[in-house]
Amino acid sequence: MKTIFVNVKCELGRAYKVAEEAVETIPEVSEVFSVSGQYDLLMKCYLPDEMDIGHFVVEHLQRLPGVKDTFTTMAYKAFSPDKSS
């Protein structure tokens, strides 16, 4: 399993709609955070090892209505347990 974080810049007024659609329609999207700064959203995604990261971002995340730009960061190792469950 690969973990990636994707910063998403949205069209004005669309961030919450983009976040809702991402968590409701894309199973690999684990969590979406509204954030301050250059981007509007931060998406945490878990991908199967065989899934290509570039294709996932381009074909799933960038095609969400209202998405203007993305910036992807690949995570290597988690140093604390996931306490969201």
PDB file of N, CA and C in Angstrom:
ATOM      1  N   MET A   1       0.848  -1.176   0.000  1.00  0.00           N
ATOM      2  CA  MET A   1       0.000   0.000   0.000  1.00  0.00           C
ATOM      3  C   MET A   1       0.895   1.240   0.000  1.00  0.00           C
ATOM      4  N   LYS A   2       0.569   2.198  -0.874  1.00  0.00           N
ATOM      5  CA  LYS A   2       1.301   3.463  -0.955  1.00  0.00           C
ATOM      6  C   LYS A   2       0.409   4.574  -0.400  1.00  0.00           C
ATOM      7  N   THR A   3       1.023   5.500   0.306  1.00  0.00           N
ATOM      8  CA  THR A   3       0.298   6.660   0.821  1.00  0.00           C
ATOM      9  C   THR A   3       0.783   7.893   0.094  1.00  0.00           C
ATOM     10  N   ILE A   4      -0.173   8.685  -0.414  1.00  0.00           N
ATOM     11  CA  ILE A   4       0.171   9.960  -1.025  1.00  0.00           C
ATOM     12  C   ILE A   4      -0.708  11.053  -0.420  1.00  0.00           C
ATOM     13  N   PHE A   5      -0.178  12.254  -0.430  1.00  0.00           N
ATOM     14  CA  PHE A   5      -0.925  13.435  -0.014  1.00  0.00           C
ATOM     15  C   PHE A   5      -1.007  14.347  -1.235  1.00  0.00           C
ATOM     16  N   VAL A   6      -2.216  14.799  -1.541  1.00  0.00           N
ATOM     17  CA  VAL A   6      -2.403  15.649  -2.718  1.00  0.00           C
ATOM     18  C   VAL A   6      -3.007  16.978  -2.285  1.00  0.00           C
ATOM     19  N   ASN A   7      -2.253  18.050  -2.503  1.00  0.00           N
ATOM     20  CA  ASN A   7      -2.767  19.402  -2.298  1.00  0.00           C
ATOM     21  C   ASN A   7      -3.594  19.750  -3.518  1.00  0.00           C
ATOM     22  N   VAL A   8      -4.775  20.314  -3.298  1.00  0.00           N
ATOM     23  CA  VAL A   8      -5.687  20.627  -4.394  1.00  0.00           C
ATOM     24  C   VAL A   8      -6.081  22.099  -4.333  1.00  0.00           C
ATOM     25  N   LYS A   9      -5.914  22.787  -5.468  1.00  0.00           N
ATOM     26  CA  LYS A   9      -6.398  24.158  -5.609  1.00  0.00           C
ATOM     27  C   LYS A   9      -7.713  24.070  -6.381  1.00  0.00           C
ATOM     28  N   CYS A  10      -8.744  24.729  -5.858  1.00  0.00           N
ATOM     29  CA  CYS A  10     -10.085  24.640  -6.440  1.00  0.00           C
ATOM     30  C   CYS A  10     -10.518  25.970  -7.040  1.00  0.00           C
ATOM     31  N   GLU A  11     -11.508  25.881  -7.914  1.00  0.00           N
ATOM     32  CA  GLU A  11     -12.152  27.094  -8.393  1.00  0.00           C
ATOM     33  C   GLU A  11     -12.819  27.763  -7.199  1.00  0.00           C
ATOM     34  N   LEU A  12     -12.930  29.087  -7.245  1.00  0.00           N
ATOM     35  CA  LEU A  12     -13.523  29.827  -6.135  1.00  0.00           C
ATOM     36  C   LEU A  12     -14.908  29.281  -5.784  1.00  0.00           C
ATOM     37  N   GLY A  13     -15.113  29.048  -4.500  1.00  0.00           N
ATOM     38  CA  GLY A  13     -16.402  28.585  -4.005  1.00  0.00           C
ATOM     39  C   GLY A  13     -16.683  27.110  -4.207  1.00  0.00           C
ATOM     40  N   ARG A  14     -15.711  26.329  -4.692  1.00  0.00           N
ATOM     41  CA  ARG A  14     -15.951  24.917  -4.998  1.00  0.00           C
ATOM     42  C   ARG A  14     -15.263  23.940  -4.057  1.00  0.00           C
ATOM     43  N   ALA A  15     -14.473  24.403  -3.112  1.00  0.00           N
ATOM     44  CA  ALA A  15     -13.655  23.501  -2.291  1.00  0.00           C
ATOM     45  C   ALA A  15     -14.486  22.459  -1.553  1.00  0.00           C
ATOM     46  N   TYR A  16     -15.571  22.857  -0.924  1.00  0.00           N
ATOM     47  CA  TYR A  16     -16.355  21.906  -0.151  1.00  0.00           C
ATOM     48  C   TYR A  16     -17.036  20.878  -1.052  1.00  0.00           C
ATOM     49  N   LYS A  17     -17.472  21.290  -2.232  1.00  0.00           N
ATOM     50  CA  LYS A  17     -18.079  20.353  -3.196  1.00  0.00           C
ATOM     51  C   LYS A  17     -17.036  19.363  -3.701  1.00  0.00           C
ATOM     52  N   VAL A  18     -15.830  19.844  -3.978  1.00  0.00           N
ATOM     53  CA  VAL A  18     -14.746  18.962  -4.418  1.00  0.00           C
ATOM     54  C   VAL A  18     -14.430  17.950  -3.324  1.00  0.00           C
ATOM     55  N   ALA A  19     -14.336  18.408  -2.088  1.00  0.00           N
ATOM     56  CA  ALA A  19     -14.030  17.518  -0.962  1.00  0.00           C
ATOM     57  C   ALA A  19     -15.105  16.447  -0.812  1.00  0.00           C
ATOM     58  N   GLU A  20     -16.361  16.852  -0.852  1.00  0.00           N
ATOM     59  CA  GLU A  20     -17.473  15.894  -0.722  1.00  0.00           C
ATOM     60  C   GLU A  20     -17.426  14.845  -1.823  1.00  0.00           C
ATOM     61  N   GLU A  21     -17.261  15.284  -3.051  1.00  0.00           N
ATOM     62  CA  GLU A  21     -17.254  14.335  -4.159  1.00  0.00           C
ATOM     63  C   GLU A  21     -16.065  13.382  -4.072  1.00  0.00           C
ATOM     64  N   ALA A  22     -14.915  13.885  -3.660  1.00  0.00           N
ATOM     65  CA  ALA A  22     -13.731  13.035  -3.555  1.00  0.00           C
ATOM     66  C   ALA A  22     -13.940  11.914  -2.549  1.00  0.00           C
ATOM     67  N   VAL A  23     -14.425  12.233  -1.361  1.00  0.00           N
ATOM     68  CA  VAL A  23     -14.591  11.186  -0.342  1.00  0.00           C
ATOM     69  C   VAL A  23     -15.761  10.252  -0.658  1.00  0.00           C
ATOM     70  N   GLU A  24     -16.750  10.754  -1.389  1.00  0.00           N
ATOM     71  CA  GLU A  24     -17.915   9.922  -1.701  1.00  0.00           C
ATOM     72  C   GLU A  24     -17.713   9.027  -2.929  1.00  0.00           C
ATOM     73  N   THR A  25     -16.851   9.426  -3.863  1.00  0.00           N
ATOM     74  CA  THR A  25     -16.771   8.687  -5.127  1.00  0.00           C
ATOM     75  C   THR A  25     -15.433   8.026  -5.418  1.00  0.00           C
ATOM     76  N   ILE A  26     -14.391   8.361  -4.672  1.00  0.00           N
ATOM     77  CA  ILE A  26     -13.068   7.785  -4.948  1.00  0.00           C
ATOM     78  C   ILE A  26     -12.629   6.979  -3.729  1.00  0.00           C
ATOM     79  N   PRO A  27     -12.701   5.652  -3.807  1.00  0.00           N
ATOM     80  CA  PRO A  27     -12.402   4.808  -2.638  1.00  0.00           C
ATOM     81  C   PRO A  27     -10.999   4.984  -2.068  1.00  0.00           C
ATOM     82  N   GLU A  28     -10.040   5.358  -2.897  1.00  0.00           N
ATOM     83  CA  GLU A  28      -8.657   5.514  -2.438  1.00  0.00           C
ATOM     84  C   GLU A  28      -8.454   6.766  -1.599  1.00  0.00           C
ATOM     85  N   VAL A  29      -9.406   7.696  -1.635  1.00  0.00           N
ATOM     86  CA  VAL A  29      -9.306   8.923  -0.833  1.00  0.00           C
ATOM     87  C   VAL A  29      -9.760   8.600   0.582  1.00  0.00           C
ATOM     88  N   SER A  30      -8.832   8.681   1.523  1.00  0.00           N
ATOM     89  CA  SER A  30      -9.096   8.344   2.919  1.00  0.00           C
ATOM     90  C   SER A  30      -9.685   9.523   3.686  1.00  0.00           C
ATOM     91  N   GLU A  31      -9.045  10.679   3.548  1.00  0.00           N
ATOM     92  CA  GLU A  31      -9.459  11.877   4.284  1.00  0.00           C
ATOM     93  C   GLU A  31      -9.213  13.097   3.411  1.00  0.00           C
ATOM     94  N   VAL A  32     -10.028  14.126   3.613  1.00  0.00           N
ATOM     95  CA  VAL A  32      -9.822  15.406   2.935  1.00  0.00           C
ATOM     96  C   VAL A  32      -9.908  16.497   3.990  1.00  0.00           C
ATOM     97  N   PHE A  33      -8.887  17.340   4.022  1.00  0.00           N
ATOM     98  CA  PHE A  33      -8.820  18.438   4.986  1.00  0.00           C
ATOM     99  C   PHE A  33      -8.922  19.765   4.253  1.00  0.00           C
ATOM    100  N   SER A  34      -9.687  20.694   4.783  1.00  0.00           N
ATOM    101  CA  SER A  34      -9.680  22.072   4.320  1.00  0.00           C
ATOM    102  C   SER A  34      -8.466  22.718   4.973  1.00  0.00           C
ATOM    103  N   VAL A  35      -7.623  23.382   4.168  1.00  0.00           N
ATOM    104  CA  VAL A  35      -6.373  23.927   4.697  1.00  0.00           C
ATOM    105  C   VAL A  35      -6.191  25.379   4.263  1.00  0.00           C
ATOM    106  N   SER A  36      -5.308  26.076   4.962  1.00  0.00           N
ATOM    107  CA  SER A  36      -4.970  27.448   4.590  1.00  0.00           C
ATOM    108  C   SER A  36      -3.724  27.426   3.724  1.00  0.00           C
ATOM    109  N   GLY A  37      -3.478  28.527   3.047  1.00  0.00           N
ATOM    110  CA  GLY A  37      -2.263  28.638   2.255  1.00  0.00           C
ATOM    111  C   GLY A  37      -2.545  28.621   0.772  1.00  0.00           C
ATOM    112  N   GLN A  38      -1.570  28.156   0.021  1.00  0.00           N
ATOM    113  CA  GLN A  38      -1.616  28.187  -1.437  1.00  0.00           C
ATOM    114  C   GLN A  38      -2.684  27.256  -2.005  1.00  0.00           C
ATOM    115  N   TYR A  39      -3.008  26.191  -1.295  1.00  0.00           N
ATOM    116  CA  TYR A  39      -4.000  25.219  -1.759  1.00  0.00           C
ATOM    117  C   TYR A  39      -5.213  25.250  -0.834  1.00  0.00           C
ATOM    118  N   ASP A  40      -6.328  24.706  -1.320  1.00  0.00           N
ATOM    119  CA  ASP A  40      -7.576  24.727  -0.575  1.00  0.00           C
ATOM    120  C   ASP A  40      -7.828  23.444   0.208  1.00  0.00           C
ATOM    121  N   LEU A  41      -7.378  22.322  -0.346  1.00  0.00           N
ATOM    122  CA  LEU A  41      -7.642  21.016   0.256  1.00  0.00           C
ATOM    123  C   LEU A  41      -6.359  20.196   0.325  1.00  0.00           C
ATOM    124  N   LEU A  42      -6.309  19.291   1.298  1.00  0.00           N
ATOM    125  CA  LEU A  42      -5.247  18.296   1.387  1.00  0.00           C
ATOM    126  C   LEU A  42      -5.924  16.933   1.449  1.00  0.00           C
ATOM    127  N   MET A  43      -5.652  16.089   0.451  1.00  0.00           N
ATOM    128  CA  MET A  43      -6.255  14.759   0.383  1.00  0.00           C
ATOM    129  C   MET A  43      -5.226  13.705   0.744  1.00  0.00           C
ATOM    130  N   LYS A  44      -5.623  12.810   1.634  1.00  0.00           N
ATOM    131  CA  LYS A  44      -4.782  11.672   1.997  1.00  0.00           C
ATOM    132  C   LYS A  44      -5.347  10.463   1.268  1.00  0.00           C
ATOM    133  N   CYS A  45      -4.494   9.814   0.486  1.00  0.00           N
ATOM    134  CA  CYS A  45      -4.945   8.699  -0.343  1.00  0.00           C
ATOM    135  C   CYS A  45      -4.075   7.469  -0.099  1.00  0.00           C
ATOM    136  N   TYR A  46      -4.716   6.316  -0.074  1.00  0.00           N
ATOM    137  CA  TYR A  46      -4.018   5.034   0.022  1.00  0.00           C
ATOM    138  C   TYR A  46      -4.210   4.296  -1.296  1.00  0.00           C
ATOM    139  N   LEU A  47      -3.097   3.988  -1.962  1.00  0.00           N
ATOM    140  CA  LEU A  47      -3.152   3.317  -3.256  1.00  0.00           C
ATOM    141  C   LEU A  47      -2.551   1.931  -3.162  1.00  0.00           C
ATOM    142  N   PRO A  48      -3.145   0.958  -3.863  1.00  0.00           N
ATOM    143  CA  PRO A  48      -2.509  -0.361  -3.936  1.00  0.00           C
ATOM    144  C   PRO A  48      -1.133  -0.235  -4.586  1.00  0.00           C
ATOM    145  N   ASP A  49      -0.210  -1.131  -4.216  1.00  0.00           N
ATOM    146  CA  ASP A  49       1.156  -1.060  -4.738  1.00  0.00           C
ATOM    147  C   ASP A  49       1.206  -1.065  -6.261  1.00  0.00           C
ATOM    148  N   GLU A  50       0.294  -1.760  -6.897  1.00  0.00           N
ATOM    149  CA  GLU A  50       0.326  -1.869  -8.361  1.00  0.00           C
ATOM    150  C   GLU A  50      -0.302  -0.660  -9.074  1.00  0.00           C
ATOM    151  N   MET A  51      -0.942   0.248  -8.336  1.00  0.00           N
ATOM    152  CA  MET A  51      -1.590   1.405  -8.955  1.00  0.00           C
ATOM    153  C   MET A  51      -0.560   2.491  -9.245  1.00  0.00           C
ATOM    154  N   ASP A  52      -0.597   3.032 -10.456  1.00  0.00           N
ATOM    155  CA  ASP A  52       0.298   4.101 -10.851  1.00  0.00           C
ATOM    156  C   ASP A  52      -0.180   5.427 -10.259  1.00  0.00           C
ATOM    157  N   ILE A  53       0.682   6.107  -9.528  1.00  0.00           N
ATOM    158  CA  ILE A  53       0.308   7.358  -8.853  1.00  0.00           C
ATOM    159  C   ILE A  53      -0.093   8.431  -9.855  1.00  0.00           C
ATOM    160  N   GLY A  54       0.691   8.589 -10.901  1.00  0.00           N
ATOM    161  CA  GLY A  54       0.398   9.611 -11.901  1.00  0.00           C
ATOM    162  C   GLY A  54      -0.953   9.419 -12.555  1.00  0.00           C
ATOM    163  N   HIS A  55      -1.246   8.186 -12.953  1.00  0.00           N
ATOM    164  CA  HIS A  55      -2.549   7.908 -13.566  1.00  0.00           C
ATOM    165  C   HIS A  55      -3.688   8.148 -12.581  1.00  0.00           C
ATOM    166  N   PHE A  56      -3.491   7.771 -11.319  1.00  0.00           N
ATOM    167  CA  PHE A  56      -4.538   7.990 -10.318  1.00  0.00           C
ATOM    168  C   PHE A  56      -4.844   9.476 -10.173  1.00  0.00           C
ATOM    169  N   VAL A  57      -3.806  10.290 -10.015  1.00  0.00           N
ATOM    170  CA  VAL A  57      -4.014  11.721  -9.821  1.00  0.00           C
ATOM    171  C   VAL A  57      -4.666  12.345 -11.052  1.00  0.00           C
ATOM    172  N   VAL A  58      -4.147  12.037 -12.228  1.00  0.00           N
ATOM    173  CA  VAL A  58      -4.657  12.640 -13.459  1.00  0.00           C
ATOM    174  C   VAL A  58      -6.070  12.156 -13.792  1.00  0.00           C
ATOM    175  N   GLU A  59      -6.306  10.861 -13.663  1.00  0.00           N
ATOM    176  CA  GLU A  59      -7.581  10.291 -14.103  1.00  0.00           C
ATOM    177  C   GLU A  59      -8.697  10.388 -13.075  1.00  0.00           C
ATOM    178  N   HIS A  60      -8.353  10.532 -11.801  1.00  0.00           N
ATOM    179  CA  HIS A  60      -9.390  10.574 -10.773  1.00  0.00           C
ATOM    180  C   HIS A  60      -9.487  11.943 -10.095  1.00  0.00           C
ATOM    181  N   LEU A  61      -8.389  12.420  -9.536  1.00  0.00           N
ATOM    182  CA  LEU A  61      -8.453  13.659  -8.762  1.00  0.00           C
ATOM    183  C   LEU A  61      -8.543  14.898  -9.637  1.00  0.00           C
ATOM    184  N   GLN A  62      -7.713  14.987 -10.666  1.00  0.00           N
ATOM    185  CA  GLN A  62      -7.729  16.184 -11.501  1.00  0.00           C
ATOM    186  C   GLN A  62      -8.998  16.313 -12.334  1.00  0.00           C
ATOM    187  N   ARG A  63      -9.740  15.237 -12.476  1.00  0.00           N
ATOM    188  CA  ARG A  63     -10.989  15.269 -13.252  1.00  0.00           C
ATOM    189  C   ARG A  63     -12.213  15.626 -12.411  1.00  0.00           C
ATOM    190  N   LEU A  64     -12.029  15.781 -11.107  1.00  0.00           N
ATOM    191  CA  LEU A  64     -13.156  16.213 -10.281  1.00  0.00           C
ATOM    192  C   LEU A  64     -13.563  17.623 -10.694  1.00  0.00           C
ATOM    193  N   PRO A  65     -14.860  17.862 -10.872  1.00  0.00           N
ATOM    194  CA  PRO A  65     -15.298  19.213 -11.238  1.00  0.00           C
ATOM    195  C   PRO A  65     -14.886  20.228 -10.173  1.00  0.00           C
ATOM    196  N   GLY A  66     -14.268  21.326 -10.602  1.00  0.00           N
ATOM    197  CA  GLY A  66     -13.847  22.372  -9.680  1.00  0.00           C
ATOM    198  C   GLY A  66     -12.380  22.339  -9.317  1.00  0.00           C
ATOM    199  N   VAL A  67     -11.644  21.288  -9.726  1.00  0.00           N
ATOM    200  CA  VAL A  67     -10.211  21.204  -9.430  1.00  0.00           C
ATOM    201  C   VAL A  67      -9.432  22.005 -10.467  1.00  0.00           C
ATOM    202  N   LYS A  68      -8.575  22.918  -9.996  1.00  0.00           N
ATOM    203  CA  LYS A  68      -7.752  23.741 -10.880  1.00  0.00           C
ATOM    204  C   LYS A  68      -6.307  23.264 -10.960  1.00  0.00           C
ATOM    205  N   ASP A  69      -5.769  22.753  -9.834  1.00  0.00           N
ATOM    206  CA  ASP A  69      -4.349  22.415  -9.779  1.00  0.00           C
ATOM    207  C   ASP A  69      -4.133  21.408  -8.663  1.00  0.00           C
ATOM    208  N   THR A  70      -3.095  20.590  -8.803  1.00  0.00           N
ATOM    209  CA  THR A  70      -2.737  19.640  -7.744  1.00  0.00           C
ATOM    210  C   THR A  70      -1.228  19.641  -7.541  1.00  0.00           C
ATOM    211  N   PHE A  71      -0.824  19.226  -6.347  1.00  0.00           N
ATOM    212  CA  PHE A  71       0.588  19.045  -6.012  1.00  0.00           C
ATOM    213  C   PHE A  71       0.664  17.795  -5.146  1.00  0.00           C
ATOM    214  N   THR A  72       1.373  16.774  -5.631  1.00  0.00           N
ATOM    215  CA  THR A  72       1.390  15.470  -4.969  1.00  0.00           C
ATOM    216  C   THR A  72       2.681  15.236  -4.212  1.00  0.00           C
ATOM    217  N   THR A  73       2.549  14.713  -2.988  1.00  0.00           N
ATOM    218  CA  THR A  73       3.690  14.318  -2.167  1.00  0.00           C
ATOM    219  C   THR A  73       3.529  12.848  -1.814  1.00  0.00           C
ATOM    220  N   MET A  74       4.585  12.077  -2.031  1.00  0.00           N
ATOM    221  CA  MET A  74       4.554  10.653  -1.701  1.00  0.00           C
ATOM    222  C   MET A  74       5.138  10.457  -0.307  1.00  0.00           C
ATOM    223  N   ALA A  75       4.435   9.695   0.524  1.00  0.00           N
ATOM    224  CA  ALA A  75       4.906   9.402   1.880  1.00  0.00           C
ATOM    225  C   ALA A  75       5.680   8.086   1.869  1.00  0.00           C
ATOM    226  N   TYR A  76       6.761   8.031   2.636  1.00  0.00           N
ATOM    227  CA  TYR A  76       7.581   6.830   2.705  1.00  0.00           C
ATOM    228  C   TYR A  76       7.266   5.970   3.923  1.00  0.00           C
ATOM    229  N   LYS A  77       7.172   6.585   5.088  1.00  0.00           N
ATOM    230  CA  LYS A  77       6.969   5.823   6.316  1.00  0.00           C
ATOM    231  C   LYS A  77       6.171   6.652   7.298  1.00  0.00           C
ATOM    232  N   ALA A  78       5.207   5.997   7.947  1.00  0.00           N
ATOM    233  CA  ALA A  78       4.443   6.658   9.017  1.00  0.00           C
ATOM    234  C   ALA A  78       5.123   6.337  10.342  1.00  0.00           C
ATOM    235  N   PHE A  79       5.330   7.351  11.182  1.00  0.00           N
ATOM    236  CA  PHE A  79       6.015   7.149  12.444  1.00  0.00           C
ATOM    237  C   PHE A  79       5.071   7.105  13.632  1.00  0.00           C
ATOM    238  N   SER A  80       3.792   7.230  13.391  1.00  0.00           N
ATOM    239  CA  SER A  80       2.812   7.102  14.463  1.00  0.00           C
ATOM    240  C   SER A  80       1.610   6.343  13.930  1.00  0.00           C
ATOM    241  N   PRO A  81       0.904   5.643  14.787  1.00  0.00           N
ATOM    242  CA  PRO A  81      -0.259   4.899  14.319  1.00  0.00           C
ATOM    243  C   PRO A  81      -1.379   5.840  13.888  1.00  0.00           C
ATOM    244  N   ASP A  82      -2.199   5.367  12.959  1.00  0.00           N
ATOM    245  CA  ASP A  82      -3.354   6.131  12.486  1.00  0.00           C
ATOM    246  C   ASP A  82      -4.423   6.073  13.573  1.00  0.00           C
ATOM    247  N   LYS A  83      -4.763   7.212  14.157  1.00  0.00           N
ATOM    248  CA  LYS A  83      -5.734   7.249  15.245  1.00  0.00           C
ATOM    249  C   LYS A  83      -7.100   7.729  14.788  1.00  0.00           C
ATOM    250  N   SER A  84      -7.333   7.742  13.459  1.00  0.00           N
ATOM    251  CA  SER A  84      -8.611   8.239  12.923  1.00  0.00           C
ATOM    252  C   SER A  84      -9.723   7.202  13.028  1.00  0.00           C
ATOM    253  N   SER A  85      -9.396   5.960  13.310  1.00  0.00           N
ATOM    254  CA  SER A  85     -10.418   4.898  13.362  1.00  0.00           C
ATOM    255  C   SER A  85     -11.203   4.933  14.642  1.00  0.00           C
TER     256      SER A  85
END
